[in-house]
C-alpha atoms as a PDB file:
ATOM      1  CA  UNK A   1       0.000   0.000   0.000  1.00  0.00           C
ATOM      2  CA  UNK A   2       1.265   3.440  -0.904  1.00  0.00           C
ATOM      3  CA  UNK A   3       1.471   6.093   1.791  1.00  0.00           C
ATOM      4  CA  UNK A   4      -1.447   8.545   1.865  1.00  0.00           C
ATOM      5  CA  UNK A   5       0.913  11.434   1.086  1.00  0.00           C
ATOM      6  CA  UNK A   6       2.052   9.777  -2.161  1.00  0.00           C
ATOM      7  CA  UNK A   7      -1.497   8.866  -3.214  1.00  0.00           C
ATOM      8  CA  UNK A   8      -2.642  12.445  -2.649  1.00  0.00           C
ATOM      9  CA  UNK A   9       0.301  13.919  -4.576  1.00  0.00           C
ATOM     10  CA  UNK A  10      -0.369  11.635  -7.545  1.00  0.00           C
ATOM     11  CA  UNK A  11      -4.138  12.110  -7.415  1.00  0.00           C
ATOM     12  CA  UNK A  12      -4.713   8.398  -6.880  1.00  0.00           C
ATOM     13  CA  UNK A  13      -7.998   7.041  -5.645  1.00  0.00           C
ATOM     14  CA  UNK A  14      -9.165   3.559  -4.771  1.00  0.00           C
ATOM     15  CA  UNK A  15      -9.000   1.478  -7.937  1.00  0.00           C
ATOM     16  CA  UNK A  16      -6.562   3.762  -9.757  1.00  0.00           C
ATOM     17  CA  UNK A  17      -4.505   1.801 -12.271  1.00  0.00           C
ATOM     18  CA  UNK A  18      -0.727   1.970 -12.016  1.00  0.00           C
ATOM     19  CA  UNK A  19       2.067   0.988 -14.375  1.00  0.00           C
ATOM     20  CA  UNK A  20       5.167  -0.598 -12.869  1.00  0.00           C
ATOM     21  CA  UNK A  21       8.232  -0.644 -15.100  1.00  0.00           C
ATOM     22  CA  UNK A  22      11.880  -1.509 -14.613  1.00  0.00           C
ATOM     23  CA  UNK A  23      14.581   0.934 -15.593  1.00  0.00           C
ATOM     24  CA  UNK A  24      17.972   0.215 -17.167  1.00  0.00           C
ATOM     25  CA  UNK A  25      19.704   0.789 -13.822  1.00  0.00           C
ATOM     26  CA  UNK A  26      17.585  -1.927 -12.164  1.00  0.00           C
ATOM     27  CA  UNK A  27      15.286   0.467 -10.330  1.00  0.00           C
ATOM     28  CA  UNK A  28      11.507   0.305 -10.609  1.00  0.00           C
ATOM     29  CA  UNK A  29       9.201   3.117 -11.630  1.00  0.00           C
ATOM     30  CA  UNK A  30       5.571   3.317 -10.560  1.00  0.00           C
ATOM     31  CA  UNK A  31       3.368   5.732 -12.518  1.00  0.00           C
ATOM     32  CA  UNK A  32      -0.360   6.363 -12.708  1.00  0.00           C
ATOM     33  CA  UNK A  33      -1.618   4.702 -15.885  1.00  0.00           C
ATOM     34  CA  UNK A  34      -3.474   7.910 -16.702  1.00  0.00           C
ATOM     35  CA  UNK A  35      -0.205   9.867 -16.950  1.00  0.00           C
ATOM     36  CA  UNK A  36       1.303   7.275 -19.293  1.00  0.00           C
ATOM     37  CA  UNK A  37      -1.789   7.419 -21.516  1.00  0.00           C
ATOM     38  CA  UNK A  38      -1.756  11.240 -21.515  1.00  0.00           C
ATOM     39  CA  UNK A  39       1.938  11.298 -22.407  1.00  0.00           C
ATOM     40  CA  UNK A  40       1.397   9.044 -25.422  1.00  0.00           C
ATOM     41  CA  UNK A  41      -1.851  10.604 -26.649  1.00  0.00           C
ATOM     42  CA  UNK A  42      -1.391  11.784 -30.219  1.00  0.00           C
ATOM     43  CA  UNK A  43       1.907   9.933 -30.593  1.00  0.00           C
ATOM     44  CA  UNK A  44       0.882   8.477 -33.957  1.00  0.00           C
ATOM     45  CA  UNK A  45      -1.088  11.482 -35.169  1.00  0.00           C
ATOM     46  CA  UNK A  46       1.730  12.740 -37.397  1.00  0.00           C
ATOM     47  CA  UNK A  47       2.069   9.506 -39.351  1.00  0.00           C
ATOM     48  CA  UNK A  48      -0.820  10.129 -41.747  1.00  0.00           C
ATOM     49  CA  UNK A  49      -0.168  12.612 -44.564  1.00  0.00           C
ATOM     50  CA  UNK A  50      -1.754  16.004 -43.916  1.00  0.00           C
ATOM     51  CA  UNK A  51      -5.288  16.358 -45.194  1.00  0.00           C
ATOM     52  CA  UNK A  52      -5.805  12.631 -45.701  1.00  0.00           C
ATOM     53  CA  UNK A  53      -8.005  10.489 -43.518  1.00  0.00           C
ATOM     54  CA  UNK A  54      -7.756   6.720 -43.461  1.00  0.00           C
ATOM     55  CA  UNK A  55     -11.465   6.573 -42.651  1.00  0.00           C
ATOM     56  CA  UNK A  56     -12.312   8.784 -45.635  1.00  0.00           C
ATOM     57  CA  UNK A  57     -10.107   6.631 -47.860  1.00  0.00           C
ATOM     58  CA  UNK A  58     -11.804   3.434 -46.682  1.00  0.00           C
ATOM     59  CA  UNK A  59     -15.263   4.935 -47.177  1.00  0.00           C
ATOM     60  CA  UNK A  60     -14.349   6.035 -50.696  1.00  0.00           C
ATOM     61  CA  UNK A  61     -13.080   2.543 -51.509  1.00  0.00           C
ATOM     62  CA  UNK A  62     -16.279   0.976 -50.158  1.00  0.00           C
ATOM     63  CA  UNK A  63     -18.446   3.396 -52.142  1.00  0.00           C
ATOM     64  CA  UNK A  64     -16.514   2.530 -55.294  1.00  0.00           C
ATOM     65  CA  UNK A  65     -16.917  -1.196 -54.606  1.00  0.00           C
ATOM     66  CA  UNK A  66     -20.662  -0.737 -54.069  1.00  0.00           C
ATOM     67  CA  UNK A  67     -20.947   1.241 -57.296  1.00  0.00           C
ATOM     68  CA  UNK A  68     -18.969  -1.414 -59.200  1.00  0.00           C
ATOM     69  CA  UNK A  69     -21.254  -4.130 -57.797  1.00  0.00           C
ATOM     70  CA  UNK A  70     -24.381  -2.251 -58.835  1.00  0.00           C
ATOM     71  CA  UNK A  71     -23.196  -1.875 -62.442  1.00  0.00           C
ATOM     72  CA  UNK A  72     -22.397  -5.579 -62.848  1.00  0.00           C
END
């Protein structure tokens, strides 16, 4: 159990999820899962070319397939 002082400082409540990781020096690091998720939010956002949406591309492909099927 973590001391009350630490839980308060980290904003942890009953049921808060934590991530335990080991560091290269052999130490362990305990972080609130929420902070890890926040840190990585948007990490992959820059991979898609600007102005292009994978969802839009998939919808366009499906529309084309549907149109091709209707003309057969």
